[in-house]
PDB file of N, CA and C in Angstrom:
ATOM      1  N   MET A   1      13.704   5.974  10.290  1.00  0.00           N
ATOM      2  CA  MET A   1      12.510   6.187   9.501  1.00  0.00           C
ATOM      3  C   MET A   1      11.402   6.743  10.398  1.00  0.00           C
ATOM      4  N   VAL A   2      11.275   6.163  11.584  1.00  0.00           N
ATOM      5  CA  VAL A   2      10.245   6.621  12.514  1.00  0.00           C
ATOM      6  C   VAL A   2      10.529   8.059  12.924  1.00  0.00           C
ATOM      7  N   GLY A   3      11.795   8.375  13.157  1.00  0.00           N
ATOM      8  CA  GLY A   3      12.171   9.732  13.530  1.00  0.00           C
ATOM      9  C   GLY A   3      11.838  10.730  12.434  1.00  0.00           C
ATOM     10  N   LEU A   4      12.041  10.299  11.199  1.00  0.00           N
ATOM     11  CA  LEU A   4      11.727  11.170  10.070  1.00  0.00           C
ATOM     12  C   LEU A   4      10.231  11.456  10.010  1.00  0.00           C
ATOM     13  N   VAL A   5       9.430  10.422  10.153  1.00  0.00           N
ATOM     14  CA  VAL A   5       7.979  10.600  10.107  1.00  0.00           C
ATOM     15  C   VAL A   5       7.507  11.441  11.289  1.00  0.00           C
ATOM     16  N   LEU A   6       8.023  11.121  12.488  1.00  0.00           N
ATOM     17  CA  LEU A   6       7.623  11.861  13.683  1.00  0.00           C
ATOM     18  C   LEU A   6       8.061  13.316  13.587  1.00  0.00           C
ATOM     19  N   GLY A   7       9.272  13.554  13.131  1.00  0.00           N
ATOM     20  CA  GLY A   7       9.755  14.926  12.965  1.00  0.00           C
ATOM     21  C   GLY A   7       8.926  15.700  11.956  1.00  0.00           C
ATOM     22  N   GLY A   8       8.551  15.032  10.872  1.00  0.00           N
ATOM     23  CA  GLY A   8       7.707  15.678   9.864  1.00  0.00           C
ATOM     24  C   GLY A   8       6.352  16.038  10.434  1.00  0.00           C
ATOM     25  N   ALA A   9       5.800  15.140  11.235  1.00  0.00           N
ATOM     26  CA  ALA A   9       4.487  15.397  11.835  1.00  0.00           C
ATOM     27  C   ALA A   9       4.556  16.573  12.799  1.00  0.00           C
ATOM     28  N   VAL A  10       5.568  16.609  13.633  1.00  0.00           N
ATOM     29  CA  VAL A  10       5.713  17.710  14.592  1.00  0.00           C
ATOM     30  C   VAL A  10       5.947  19.024  13.847  1.00  0.00           C
ATOM     31  N   GLY A  11       6.798  18.989  12.837  1.00  0.00           N
ATOM     32  CA  GLY A  11       7.058  20.205  12.060  1.00  0.00           C
ATOM     33  C   GLY A  11       5.807  20.718  11.362  1.00  0.00           C
ATOM     34  N   ALA A  12       5.044  19.798  10.780  1.00  0.00           N
ATOM     35  CA  ALA A  12       3.814  20.201  10.099  1.00  0.00           C
ATOM     36  C   ALA A  12       2.812  20.768  11.092  1.00  0.00           C
ATOM     37  N   ALA A  13       2.706  20.155  12.252  1.00  0.00           N
ATOM     38  CA  ALA A  13       1.771  20.646  13.270  1.00  0.00           C
ATOM     39  C   ALA A  13       2.162  22.039  13.720  1.00  0.00           C
ATOM     40  N   LEU A  14       3.439  22.266  13.950  1.00  0.00           N
ATOM     41  CA  LEU A  14       3.888  23.594  14.367  1.00  0.00           C
ATOM     42  C   LEU A  14       3.661  24.626  13.262  1.00  0.00           C
ATOM     43  N   ALA A  15       3.892  24.247  12.036  1.00  0.00           N
ATOM     44  CA  ALA A  15       3.684  25.181  10.922  1.00  0.00           C
ATOM     45  C   ALA A  15       2.215  25.572  10.825  1.00  0.00           C
ATOM     46  N   TYR A  16       1.335  24.602  10.987  1.00  0.00           N
ATOM     47  CA  TYR A  16      -0.095  24.906  10.943  1.00  0.00           C
ATOM     48  C   TYR A  16      -0.523  25.765  12.117  1.00  0.00           C
ATOM     49  N   LEU A  17       0.046  25.522  13.277  1.00  0.00           N
ATOM     50  CA  LEU A  17      -0.332  26.305  14.451  1.00  0.00           C
ATOM     51  C   LEU A  17       0.164  27.743  14.357  1.00  0.00           C
ATOM     52  N   MET A  18       1.284  27.936  13.718  1.00  0.00           N
ATOM     53  CA  MET A  18       1.861  29.287  13.605  1.00  0.00           C
ATOM     54  C   MET A  18       1.249  30.079  12.450  1.00  0.00           C
ATOM     55  N   ALA A  19       0.599  29.432  11.546  1.00  0.00           N
ATOM     56  CA  ALA A  19       0.026  30.108  10.380  1.00  0.00           C
ATOM     57  C   ALA A  19      -1.161  30.980  10.813  1.00  0.00           C
ATOM     58  N   PRO A  20      -1.319  32.147  10.197  1.00  0.00           N
ATOM     59  CA  PRO A  20      -2.428  33.049  10.554  1.00  0.00           C
ATOM     60  C   PRO A  20      -3.743  32.619   9.882  1.00  0.00           C
ATOM     61  N   ARG A  21      -4.401  31.585  10.463  1.00  0.00           N
ATOM     62  CA  ARG A  21      -5.670  31.115   9.936  1.00  0.00           C
ATOM     63  C   ARG A  21      -6.602  30.825  11.106  1.00  0.00           C
ATOM     64  N   PRO A  22      -7.876  30.694  10.830  1.00  0.00           N
ATOM     65  CA  PRO A  22      -8.822  30.388  11.903  1.00  0.00           C
ATOM     66  C   PRO A  22      -8.554  29.008  12.509  1.00  0.00           C
ATOM     67  N   GLY A  23      -8.884  28.848  13.784  1.00  0.00           N
ATOM     68  CA  GLY A  23      -8.625  27.614  14.516  1.00  0.00           C
ATOM     69  C   GLY A  23      -9.303  26.396  13.916  1.00  0.00           C
ATOM     70  N   ASP A  24     -10.559  26.547  13.453  1.00  0.00           N
ATOM     71  CA  ASP A  24     -11.267  25.412  12.861  1.00  0.00           C
ATOM     72  C   ASP A  24     -10.551  24.911  11.614  1.00  0.00           C
ATOM     73  N   GLU A  25     -10.081  25.834  10.825  1.00  0.00           N
ATOM     74  CA  GLU A  25      -9.374  25.457   9.598  1.00  0.00           C
ATOM     75  C   GLU A  25      -8.057  24.751   9.933  1.00  0.00           C
ATOM     76  N   ILE A  26      -7.360  25.261  10.936  1.00  0.00           N
ATOM     77  CA  ILE A  26      -6.097  24.654  11.349  1.00  0.00           C
ATOM     78  C   ILE A  26      -6.344  23.240  11.868  1.00  0.00           C
ATOM     79  N   ARG A  27      -7.353  23.081  12.717  1.00  0.00           N
ATOM     80  CA  ARG A  27      -7.655  21.751  13.260  1.00  0.00           C
ATOM     81  C   ARG A  27      -8.023  20.775  12.140  1.00  0.00           C
ATOM     82  N   SER A  28      -8.801  21.239  11.211  1.00  0.00           N
ATOM     83  CA  SER A  28      -9.184  20.393  10.085  1.00  0.00           C
ATOM     84  C   SER A  28      -7.954  19.982   9.277  1.00  0.00           C
ATOM     85  N   ASP A  29      -7.072  20.927   9.032  1.00  0.00           N
ATOM     86  CA  ASP A  29      -5.837  20.629   8.303  1.00  0.00           C
ATOM     87  C   ASP A  29      -4.955  19.647   9.081  1.00  0.00           C
ATOM     88  N   LEU A  30      -4.898  19.824  10.401  1.00  0.00           N
ATOM     89  CA  LEU A  30      -4.100  18.922  11.225  1.00  0.00           C
ATOM     90  C   LEU A  30      -4.648  17.498  11.171  1.00  0.00           C
ATOM     91  N   VAL A  31      -5.954  17.374  11.219  1.00  0.00           N
ATOM     92  CA  VAL A  31      -6.564  16.049  11.143  1.00  0.00           C
ATOM     93  C   VAL A  31      -6.257  15.415   9.794  1.00  0.00           C
ATOM     94  N   THR A  32      -6.419  16.188   8.732  1.00  0.00           N
ATOM     95  CA  THR A  32      -6.145  15.675   7.388  1.00  0.00           C
ATOM     96  C   THR A  32      -4.689  15.253   7.257  1.00  0.00           C
ATOM     97  N   ARG A  33      -3.810  16.103   7.718  1.00  0.00           N
ATOM     98  CA  ARG A  33      -2.373  15.797   7.628  1.00  0.00           C
ATOM     99  C   ARG A  33      -2.025  14.592   8.500  1.00  0.00           C
ATOM    100  N   GLY A  34      -2.645  14.483   9.652  1.00  0.00           N
ATOM    101  CA  GLY A  34      -2.413  13.333  10.528  1.00  0.00           C
ATOM    102  C   GLY A  34      -2.819  12.039   9.855  1.00  0.00           C
ATOM    103  N   ILE A  35      -3.940  12.059   9.177  1.00  0.00           N
ATOM    104  CA  ILE A  35      -4.406  10.869   8.453  1.00  0.00           C
ATOM    105  C   ILE A  35      -3.420  10.518   7.341  1.00  0.00           C
ATOM    106  N   GLU A  36      -2.954  11.521   6.622  1.00  0.00           N
ATOM    107  CA  GLU A  36      -1.983  11.274   5.552  1.00  0.00           C
ATOM    108  C   GLU A  36      -0.690  10.677   6.099  1.00  0.00           C
ATOM    109  N   LEU A  37      -0.207  11.241   7.209  1.00  0.00           N
ATOM    110  CA  LEU A  37       1.031  10.741   7.804  1.00  0.00           C
ATOM    111  C   LEU A  37       0.857   9.310   8.312  1.00  0.00           C
ATOM    112  N   LYS A  38      -0.312   9.029   8.871  1.00  0.00           N
ATOM    113  CA  LYS A  38      -0.585   7.672   9.344  1.00  0.00           C
ATOM    114  C   LYS A  38      -0.540   6.696   8.175  1.00  0.00           C
ATOM    115  N   GLN A  39      -1.142   7.074   7.058  1.00  0.00           N
ATOM    116  CA  GLN A  39      -1.148   6.200   5.881  1.00  0.00           C
ATOM    117  C   GLN A  39       0.271   6.001   5.346  1.00  0.00           C
ATOM    118  N   GLN A  40       1.057   7.078   5.345  1.00  0.00           N
ATOM    119  CA  GLN A  40       2.446   6.955   4.888  1.00  0.00           C
ATOM    120  C   GLN A  40       3.237   6.037   5.812  1.00  0.00           C
ATOM    121  N   ALA A  41       3.032   6.195   7.116  1.00  0.00           N
ATOM    122  CA  ALA A  41       3.746   5.356   8.085  1.00  0.00           C
ATOM    123  C   ALA A  41       3.339   3.892   7.909  1.00  0.00           C
ATOM    124  N   GLU A  42       2.064   3.645   7.679  1.00  0.00           N
ATOM    125  CA  GLU A  42       1.607   2.274   7.457  1.00  0.00           C
ATOM    126  C   GLU A  42       2.254   1.690   6.204  1.00  0.00           C
ATOM    127  N   GLY A  43       2.391   2.517   5.180  1.00  0.00           N
ATOM    128  CA  GLY A  43       3.049   2.064   3.954  1.00  0.00           C
ATOM    129  C   GLY A  43       4.501   1.703   4.196  1.00  0.00           C
ATOM    130  N   VAL A  44       5.191   2.530   4.978  1.00  0.00           N
ATOM    131  CA  VAL A  44       6.593   2.261   5.299  1.00  0.00           C
ATOM    132  C   VAL A  44       6.700   0.974   6.112  1.00  0.00           C
ATOM    133  N   VAL A  45       5.814   0.812   7.081  1.00  0.00           N
ATOM    134  CA  VAL A  45       5.827  -0.398   7.899  1.00  0.00           C
ATOM    135  C   VAL A  45       5.589  -1.628   7.028  1.00  0.00           C
ATOM    136  N   ASP A  46       4.634  -1.536   6.113  1.00  0.00           N
ATOM    137  CA  ASP A  46       4.357  -2.660   5.215  1.00  0.00           C
ATOM    138  C   ASP A  46       5.588  -3.007   4.370  1.00  0.00           C
ATOM    139  N   GLN A  47       6.289  -1.978   3.889  1.00  0.00           N
ATOM    140  CA  GLN A  47       7.491  -2.214   3.089  1.00  0.00           C
ATOM    141  C   GLN A  47       8.575  -2.893   3.914  1.00  0.00           C
ATOM    142  N   VAL A  48       8.758  -2.426   5.142  1.00  0.00           N
ATOM    143  CA  VAL A  48       9.786  -3.006   6.014  1.00  0.00           C
ATOM    144  C   VAL A  48       9.442  -4.461   6.329  1.00  0.00           C
ATOM    145  N   ILE A  49       8.176  -4.732   6.604  1.00  0.00           N
ATOM    146  CA  ILE A  49       7.747  -6.101   6.890  1.00  0.00           C
ATOM    147  C   ILE A  49       7.995  -6.996   5.679  1.00  0.00           C
ATOM    148  N   GLU A  50       7.660  -6.500   4.502  1.00  0.00           N
ATOM    149  CA  GLU A  50       7.849  -7.304   3.290  1.00  0.00           C
ATOM    150  C   GLU A  50       9.330  -7.574   3.029  1.00  0.00           C
ATOM    151  N   LYS A  51      10.174  -6.558   3.220  1.00  0.00           N
ATOM    152  CA  LYS A  51      11.615  -6.759   3.036  1.00  0.00           C
ATOM    153  C   LYS A  51      12.146  -7.757   4.053  1.00  0.00           C
ATOM    154  N   GLY A  52      11.646  -7.685   5.268  1.00  0.00           N
ATOM    155  CA  GLY A  52      12.048  -8.642   6.294  1.00  0.00           C
ATOM    156  C   GLY A  52      11.621 -10.050   5.930  1.00  0.00           C
ATOM    157  N   ARG A  53      10.410 -10.174   5.423  1.00  0.00           N
ATOM    158  CA  ARG A  53       9.892 -11.486   5.021  1.00  0.00           C
ATOM    159  C   ARG A  53      10.754 -12.080   3.903  1.00  0.00           C
ATOM    160  N   VAL A  54      11.109 -11.251   2.933  1.00  0.00           N
ATOM    161  CA  VAL A  54      11.946 -11.714   1.821  1.00  0.00           C
ATOM    162  C   VAL A  54      13.320 -12.141   2.338  1.00  0.00           C
ATOM    163  N   ALA A  55      13.889 -11.359   3.240  1.00  0.00           N
ATOM    164  CA  ALA A  55      15.206 -11.693   3.787  1.00  0.00           C
ATOM    165  C   ALA A  55      15.159 -13.007   4.555  1.00  0.00           C
ATOM    166  N   VAL A  56      14.109 -13.205   5.324  1.00  0.00           N
ATOM    167  CA  VAL A  56      13.971 -14.458   6.081  1.00  0.00           C
ATOM    168  C   VAL A  56      13.855 -15.643   5.128  1.00  0.00           C
ATOM    169  N   GLU A  57      13.073 -15.498   4.080  1.00  0.00           N
ATOM    170  CA  GLU A  57      12.919 -16.589   3.106  1.00  0.00           C
ATOM    171  C   GLU A  57      14.244 -16.896   2.412  1.00  0.00           C
ATOM    172  N   GLU A  58      15.008 -15.853   2.075  1.00  0.00           N
ATOM    173  CA  GLU A  58      16.309 -16.072   1.443  1.00  0.00           C
ATOM    174  C   GLU A  58      17.245 -16.828   2.386  1.00  0.00           C
ATOM    175  N   GLN A  59      17.264 -16.421   3.644  1.00  0.00           N
ATOM    176  CA  GLN A  59      18.128 -17.087   4.621  1.00  0.00           C
ATOM    177  C   GLN A  59      17.674 -18.522   4.859  1.00  0.00           C
ATOM    178  N   ARG A  60      16.378 -18.737   4.899  1.00  0.00           N
ATOM    179  CA  ARG A  60      15.855 -20.099   5.082  1.00  0.00           C
ATOM    180  C   ARG A  60      16.290 -20.984   3.917  1.00  0.00           C
ATOM    181  N   SER A  61      16.204 -20.444   2.708  1.00  0.00           N
ATOM    182  CA  SER A  61      16.604 -21.203   1.524  1.00  0.00           C
ATOM    183  C   SER A  61      18.092 -21.538   1.575  1.00  0.00           C
ATOM    184  N   ARG A  62      18.907 -20.564   1.946  1.00  0.00           N
ATOM    185  CA  ARG A  62      20.357 -20.797   2.042  1.00  0.00           C
ATOM    186  C   ARG A  62      20.660 -21.846   3.115  1.00  0.00           C
ATOM    187  N   PHE A  63      19.962 -21.759   4.222  1.00  0.00           N
ATOM    188  CA  PHE A  63      20.171 -22.708   5.314  1.00  0.00           C
ATOM    189  C   PHE A  63      19.797 -24.118   4.873  1.00  0.00           C
ATOM    190  N   GLN A  64      18.670 -24.252   4.197  1.00  0.00           N
ATOM    191  CA  GLN A  64      18.250 -25.566   3.725  1.00  0.00           C
ATOM    192  C   GLN A  64      19.229 -26.124   2.700  1.00  0.00           C
ATOM    193  N   GLN A  65      19.745 -25.261   1.844  1.00  0.00           N
ATOM    194  CA  GLN A  65      20.740 -25.687   0.858  1.00  0.00           C
ATOM    195  C   GLN A  65      22.016 -26.149   1.568  1.00  0.00           C
ATOM    196  N   ALA A  66      22.430 -25.411   2.589  1.00  0.00           N
ATOM    197  CA  ALA A  66      23.635 -25.795   3.334  1.00  0.00           C
ATOM    198  C   ALA A  66      23.429 -27.135   4.027  1.00  0.00           C
ATOM    199  N   ILE A  67      22.257 -27.366   4.562  1.00  0.00           N
ATOM    200  CA  ILE A  67      21.966 -28.655   5.207  1.00  0.00           C
ATOM    201  C   ILE A  67      22.038 -29.783   4.181  1.00  0.00           C
ATOM    202  N   ALA A  68      21.438 -29.560   3.021  1.00  0.00           N
ATOM    203  CA  ALA A  68      21.456 -30.587   1.972  1.00  0.00           C
ATOM    204  C   ALA A  68      22.890 -30.884   1.533  1.00  0.00           C
ATOM    205  N   GLU A  69      23.692 -29.848   1.366  1.00  0.00           N
ATOM    206  CA  GLU A  69      25.089 -30.044   0.970  1.00  0.00           C
ATOM    207  C   GLU A  69      25.857 -30.779   2.060  1.00  0.00           C
ATOM    208  N   GLY A  70      25.570 -30.457   3.309  1.00  0.00           N
ATOM    209  CA  GLY A  70      26.226 -31.149   4.422  1.00  0.00           C
ATOM    210  C   GLY A  70      25.859 -32.618   4.460  1.00  0.00           C
ATOM    211  N   LYS A  71      24.599 -32.930   4.210  1.00  0.00           N
ATOM    212  CA  LYS A  71      24.165 -34.331   4.178  1.00  0.00           C
ATOM    213  C   LYS A  71      24.857 -35.079   3.043  1.00  0.00           C
ATOM    214  N   GLU A  72      24.962 -34.438   1.887  1.00  0.00           N
ATOM    215  CA  GLU A  72      25.626 -35.077   0.749  1.00  0.00           C
ATOM    216  C   GLU A  72      27.099 -35.336   1.059  1.00  0.00           C
ATOM    217  N   ALA A  73      27.765 -34.351   1.647  1.00  0.00           N
ATOM    218  CA  ALA A  73      29.180 -34.513   1.992  1.00  0.00           C
ATOM    219  C   ALA A  73      29.347 -35.613   3.030  1.00  0.00           C
ATOM    220  N   SER A  74      28.443 -35.664   3.971  1.00  0.00           N
ATOM    221  CA  SER A  74      28.496 -36.705   5.003  1.00  0.00           C
ATOM    222  C   SER A  74      28.314 -38.091   4.382  1.00  0.00           C
ATOM    223  N   ALA A  75      27.372 -38.213   3.460  1.00  0.00           N
ATOM    224  CA  ALA A  75      27.126 -39.498   2.795  1.00  0.00           C
ATOM    225  C   ALA A  75      28.350 -39.921   1.977  1.00  0.00           C
ATOM    226  N   ARG A  76      28.984 -38.969   1.280  1.00  0.00           N
ATOM    227  CA  ARG A  76      30.187 -39.298   0.495  1.00  0.00           C
ATOM    228  C   ARG A  76      31.313 -39.759   1.412  1.00  0.00           C
ATOM    229  N   THR A  77      31.494 -39.041   2.507  1.00  0.00           N
ATOM    230  CA  THR A  77      32.560 -39.391   3.443  1.00  0.00           C
ATOM    231  C   THR A  77      32.307 -40.774   4.046  1.00  0.00           C
ATOM    232  N   ARG A  78      31.076 -41.033   4.404  1.00  0.00           N
ATOM    233  CA  ARG A  78      30.717 -42.341   4.970  1.00  0.00           C
ATOM    234  C   ARG A  78      31.003 -43.446   3.960  1.00  0.00           C
ATOM    235  N   SER A  79      30.593 -43.207   2.736  1.00  0.00           N
ATOM    236  CA  SER A  79      30.816 -44.196   1.678  1.00  0.00           C
ATOM    237  C   SER A  79      32.311 -44.453   1.480  1.00  0.00           C
ATOM    238  N   ASP A  80      33.079 -43.370   1.431  1.00  0.00           N
ATOM    239  CA  ASP A  80      34.536 -43.513   1.269  1.00  0.00           C
ATOM    240  C   ASP A  80      35.143 -44.284   2.429  1.00  0.00           C
ATOM    241  N   LEU A  81      34.725 -43.984   3.642  1.00  0.00           N
ATOM    242  CA  LEU A  81      35.258 -44.681   4.810  1.00  0.00           C
ATOM    243  C   LEU A  81      34.892 -46.165   4.794  1.00  0.00           C
ATOM    244  N   LEU A  82      33.664 -46.460   4.388  1.00  0.00           N
ATOM    245  CA  LEU A  82      33.251 -47.865   4.295  1.00  0.00           C
ATOM    246  C   LEU A  82      34.086 -48.611   3.245  1.00  0.00           C
ATOM    247  N   LYS A  83      34.343 -47.967   2.109  1.00  0.00           N
ATOM    248  CA  LYS A  83      35.177 -48.586   1.079  1.00  0.00           C
ATOM    249  C   LYS A  83      36.582 -48.856   1.613  1.00  0.00           C
ATOM    250  N   ARG A  84      37.150 -47.875   2.284  1.00  0.00           N
ATOM    251  CA  ARG A  84      38.497 -48.044   2.835  1.00  0.00           C
ATOM    252  C   ARG A  84      38.510 -49.172   3.884  1.00  0.00           C
ATOM    253  N   TYR A  85      37.480 -49.214   4.684  1.00  0.00           N
ATOM    254  CA  TYR A  85      37.382 -50.259   5.697  1.00  0.00           C
ATOM    255  C   TYR A  85      37.326 -51.636   5.039  1.00  0.00           C
ATOM    256  N   GLU A  86      36.480 -51.753   4.022  1.00  0.00           N
ATOM    257  CA  GLU A  86      36.369 -53.027   3.315  1.00  0.00           C
ATOM    258  C   GLU A  86      37.683 -53.414   2.657  1.00  0.00           C
ATOM    259  N   GLN A  87      38.374 -52.436   2.065  1.00  0.00           N
ATOM    260  CA  GLN A  87      39.671 -52.704   1.435  1.00  0.00           C
ATOM    261  C   GLN A  87      40.691 -53.161   2.470  1.00  0.00           C
ATOM    262  N   ALA A  88      40.699 -52.451   3.601  1.00  0.00           N
ATOM    263  CA  ALA A  88      41.642 -52.811   4.661  1.00  0.00           C
ATOM    264  C   ALA A  88      41.310 -54.202   5.189  1.00  0.00           C
ATOM    265  N   LYS A  89      40.073 -54.504   5.299  1.00  0.00           N
ATOM    266  CA  LYS A  89      39.623 -55.810   5.781  1.00  0.00           C
ATOM    267  C   LYS A  89      40.047 -56.914   4.795  1.00  0.00           C
ATOM    268  N   GLU A  90      39.892 -56.658   3.504  1.00  0.00           N
ATOM    269  CA  GLU A  90      40.305 -57.618   2.469  1.00  0.00           C
ATOM    270  C   GLU A  90      41.813 -57.810   2.480  1.00  0.00           C
ATOM    271  N   GLN A  91      42.566 -56.716   2.661  1.00  0.00           N
ATOM    272  CA  GLN A  91      44.025 -56.814   2.689  1.00  0.00           C
ATOM    273  C   GLN A  91      44.503 -57.588   3.905  1.00  0.00           C
ATOM    274  N   GLY A  92      43.742 -57.502   4.981  1.00  0.00           N
ATOM    275  CA  GLY A  92      44.096 -58.234   6.197  1.00  0.00           C
ATOM    276  C   GLY A  92      43.900 -59.724   6.023  1.00  0.00           C
ATOM    277  N   LYS A  93      42.964 -60.147   5.195  1.00  0.00           N
ATOM    278  CA  LYS A  93      42.703 -61.555   4.940  1.00  0.00           C
ATOM    279  C   LYS A  93      43.744 -62.129   3.979  1.00  0.00           C
ATOM    280  N   ALA A  94      44.280 -61.306   3.116  1.00  0.00           N
ATOM    281  CA  ALA A  94      45.183 -61.809   2.079  1.00  0.00           C
ATOM    282  C   ALA A  94      46.542 -62.137   2.588  1.00  0.00           C
TER     283      ALA A  94
END
């Protein structure tokens, strides 16, 4: 994405420099185009940051869900083992 923006900026600058117009007009156009490209780049950066933020939140949610499921499975296993232990203990007394 950065290469695309940078390539576009260089291409636009070269096109303006090669065009048969007065220097003041070319410089003014270059400044205007530079401002536009900067705004576009900022927009792209904002989009990438937002997509990254969403991805991180999704992964955090999945991770928290996996932890909760692991805790539940651990509690079930513990409960089952305690029941088996108690049963084995009762059978040993009988």
